[in-house]
Amino acid sequence: MDQTPVTPRLLFSNVPVDCRDEYLWLWVEARGYRVSSLRLIRDQVSGTSPSFAYVQLMNSGKIEEAVRFLDGQDLRGRKVQVARVAARLSA
């Protein structure tokens, strides 16, 4: 049985394609959630984001609260969708 630890993260979808990592980081933190890591998923050829990102919070105990609060908020003219996902950590 795999005993690899699982850490919860937020999955943001409908992120504007021109959104920068720093902007999303500051946007989340401005709403009261300290970020420990963030990864915008980008197309390897064009370098643009296909509109989703993974965000890990400093306080993983606030994941559910963050989902409820951030889901549906406006991010540069787009309503983001936020969900909780679990990611396996590499040993």
C-alpha atoms as a PDB file:
ATOM      1  CA  MET A   1       0.000   0.000   0.000  1.00  0.00           C
ATOM      2  CA  ASP A   2       1.316   3.458  -0.939  1.00  0.00           C
ATOM      3  CA  GLN A   3       2.024   5.532   2.175  1.00  0.00           C
ATOM      4  CA  THR A   4       3.083   8.684   0.292  1.00  0.00           C
ATOM      5  CA  PRO A   5       1.759  11.754   2.136  1.00  0.00           C
ATOM      6  CA  VAL A   6      -1.042  13.651   0.422  1.00  0.00           C
ATOM      7  CA  THR A   7      -1.217  17.414   0.725  1.00  0.00           C
ATOM      8  CA  PRO A   8      -4.355  19.361  -0.165  1.00  0.00           C
ATOM      9  CA  ARG A   9      -4.136  22.115  -2.744  1.00  0.00           C
ATOM     10  CA  LEU A  10      -6.520  24.445  -4.497  1.00  0.00           C
ATOM     11  CA  LEU A  11      -7.258  24.019  -8.179  1.00  0.00           C
ATOM     12  CA  PHE A  12      -8.183  27.297  -9.858  1.00  0.00           C
ATOM     13  CA  SER A  13      -9.898  27.111 -13.234  1.00  0.00           C
ATOM     14  CA  ASN A  14     -11.087  29.862 -15.580  1.00  0.00           C
ATOM     15  CA  VAL A  15      -7.943  31.875 -14.783  1.00  0.00           C
ATOM     16  CA  PRO A  16      -7.316  34.604 -17.407  1.00  0.00           C
ATOM     17  CA  VAL A  17      -4.799  33.381 -19.985  1.00  0.00           C
ATOM     18  CA  ASP A  18      -2.591  36.448 -19.466  1.00  0.00           C
ATOM     19  CA  CYS A  19      -2.488  36.062 -15.668  1.00  0.00           C
ATOM     20  CA  ARG A  20       1.024  36.032 -14.188  1.00  0.00           C
ATOM     21  CA  ASP A  21       2.136  33.857 -11.270  1.00  0.00           C
ATOM     22  CA  GLU A  22       2.881  36.897  -9.107  1.00  0.00           C
ATOM     23  CA  TYR A  23      -0.525  38.437  -9.769  1.00  0.00           C
ATOM     24  CA  LEU A  24      -2.436  35.302  -8.772  1.00  0.00           C
ATOM     25  CA  TRP A  25      -0.192  34.840  -5.695  1.00  0.00           C
ATOM     26  CA  LEU A  26      -0.909  38.404  -4.527  1.00  0.00           C
ATOM     27  CA  TRP A  27      -4.612  38.080  -5.413  1.00  0.00           C
ATOM     28  CA  VAL A  28      -5.003  35.019  -3.166  1.00  0.00           C
ATOM     29  CA  GLU A  29      -2.981  36.584  -0.333  1.00  0.00           C
ATOM     30  CA  ALA A  30      -4.981  39.840  -0.549  1.00  0.00           C
ATOM     31  CA  ARG A  31      -8.040  37.740   0.349  1.00  0.00           C
ATOM     32  CA  GLY A  32      -6.413  36.481   3.542  1.00  0.00           C
ATOM     33  CA  TYR A  33      -4.838  33.173   2.482  1.00  0.00           C
ATOM     34  CA  ARG A  34      -1.041  32.905   2.656  1.00  0.00           C
ATOM     35  CA  VAL A  35       0.386  30.972  -0.279  1.00  0.00           C
ATOM     36  CA  SER A  36       3.269  28.531   0.075  1.00  0.00           C
ATOM     37  CA  SER A  37       3.462  27.513  -3.605  1.00  0.00           C
ATOM     38  CA  LEU A  38       1.695  28.277  -6.848  1.00  0.00           C
ATOM     39  CA  ARG A  39       1.918  26.794 -10.318  1.00  0.00           C
ATOM     40  CA  LEU A  40       0.091  28.220 -13.308  1.00  0.00           C
ATOM     41  CA  ILE A  41      -0.197  25.567 -15.996  1.00  0.00           C
ATOM     42  CA  ARG A  42       1.108  26.919 -19.290  1.00  0.00           C
ATOM     43  CA  ASP A  43       1.186  25.714 -22.863  1.00  0.00           C
ATOM     44  CA  GLN A  44       4.829  24.751 -23.601  1.00  0.00           C
ATOM     45  CA  VAL A  45       4.761  26.309 -27.077  1.00  0.00           C
ATOM     46  CA  SER A  46       2.898  29.589 -26.576  1.00  0.00           C
ATOM     47  CA  GLY A  47       3.742  30.117 -22.907  1.00  0.00           C
ATOM     48  CA  THR A  48       0.143  31.105 -22.168  1.00  0.00           C
ATOM     49  CA  SER A  49      -1.933  29.594 -19.427  1.00  0.00           C
ATOM     50  CA  PRO A  50      -4.773  27.298 -20.497  1.00  0.00           C
ATOM     51  CA  SER A  51      -6.674  28.855 -17.587  1.00  0.00           C
ATOM     52  CA  PHE A  52      -5.852  26.768 -14.542  1.00  0.00           C
ATOM     53  CA  ALA A  53      -3.447  26.797 -11.620  1.00  0.00           C
ATOM     54  CA  TYR A  54      -2.548  24.854  -8.494  1.00  0.00           C
ATOM     55  CA  VAL A  55      -2.142  26.782  -5.242  1.00  0.00           C
ATOM     56  CA  GLN A  56      -0.899  25.399  -1.943  1.00  0.00           C
ATOM     57  CA  LEU A  57      -1.683  27.407   1.179  1.00  0.00           C
ATOM     58  CA  MET A  58       0.634  27.868   4.167  1.00  0.00           C
ATOM     59  CA  ASN A  59      -2.227  26.747   6.413  1.00  0.00           C
ATOM     60  CA  SER A  60      -3.716  23.605   4.873  1.00  0.00           C
ATOM     61  CA  GLY A  61      -6.449  23.721   7.530  1.00  0.00           C
ATOM     62  CA  LYS A  62      -7.979  26.679   5.660  1.00  0.00           C
ATOM     63  CA  ILE A  63      -8.427  24.811   2.368  1.00  0.00           C
ATOM     64  CA  GLU A  64     -12.198  24.256   2.699  1.00  0.00           C
ATOM     65  CA  GLU A  65     -12.768  27.839   3.864  1.00  0.00           C
ATOM     66  CA  ALA A  66     -10.699  29.141   0.941  1.00  0.00           C
ATOM     67  CA  VAL A  67     -12.726  27.077  -1.537  1.00  0.00           C
ATOM     68  CA  ARG A  68     -15.988  28.510  -0.206  1.00  0.00           C
ATOM     69  CA  PHE A  69     -14.666  32.075  -0.153  1.00  0.00           C
ATOM     70  CA  LEU A  70     -12.684  32.206  -3.414  1.00  0.00           C
ATOM     71  CA  ASP A  71     -14.942  30.129  -5.676  1.00  0.00           C
ATOM     72  CA  GLY A  72     -16.880  32.417  -8.008  1.00  0.00           C
ATOM     73  CA  GLN A  73     -14.855  35.559  -7.264  1.00  0.00           C
ATOM     74  CA  ASP A  74     -13.822  37.895 -10.059  1.00  0.00           C
ATOM     75  CA  LEU A  75     -10.207  37.656 -11.190  1.00  0.00           C
ATOM     76  CA  ARG A  76      -9.495  40.279 -13.839  1.00  0.00           C
ATOM     77  CA  GLY A  77     -12.953  39.991 -15.375  1.00  0.00           C
ATOM     78  CA  ARG A  78     -13.370  36.222 -15.076  1.00  0.00           C
ATOM     79  CA  LYS A  79     -15.209  34.252 -12.410  1.00  0.00           C
ATOM     80  CA  VAL A  80     -12.708  31.701 -11.120  1.00  0.00           C
ATOM     81  CA  GLN A  81     -13.742  28.242 -10.050  1.00  0.00           C
ATOM     82  CA  VAL A  82     -11.883  26.880  -7.050  1.00  0.00           C
ATOM     83  CA  ALA A  83     -11.848  23.276  -5.849  1.00  0.00           C
ATOM     84  CA  ARG A  84      -9.852  21.215  -3.366  1.00  0.00           C
ATOM     85  CA  VAL A  85      -7.511  18.612  -4.827  1.00  0.00           C
ATOM     86  CA  ALA A  86      -5.026  16.281  -3.172  1.00  0.00           C
ATOM     87  CA  ALA A  87      -1.519  15.880  -4.519  1.00  0.00           C
ATOM     88  CA  ARG A  88       0.959  13.188  -3.629  1.00  0.00           C
ATOM     89  CA  LEU A  89       4.283  14.456  -2.377  1.00  0.00           C
ATOM     90  CA  SER A  90       7.418  12.831  -3.776  1.00  0.00           C
ATOM     91  CA  ALA A  91       9.679  11.175  -1.259  1.00  0.00           C
END
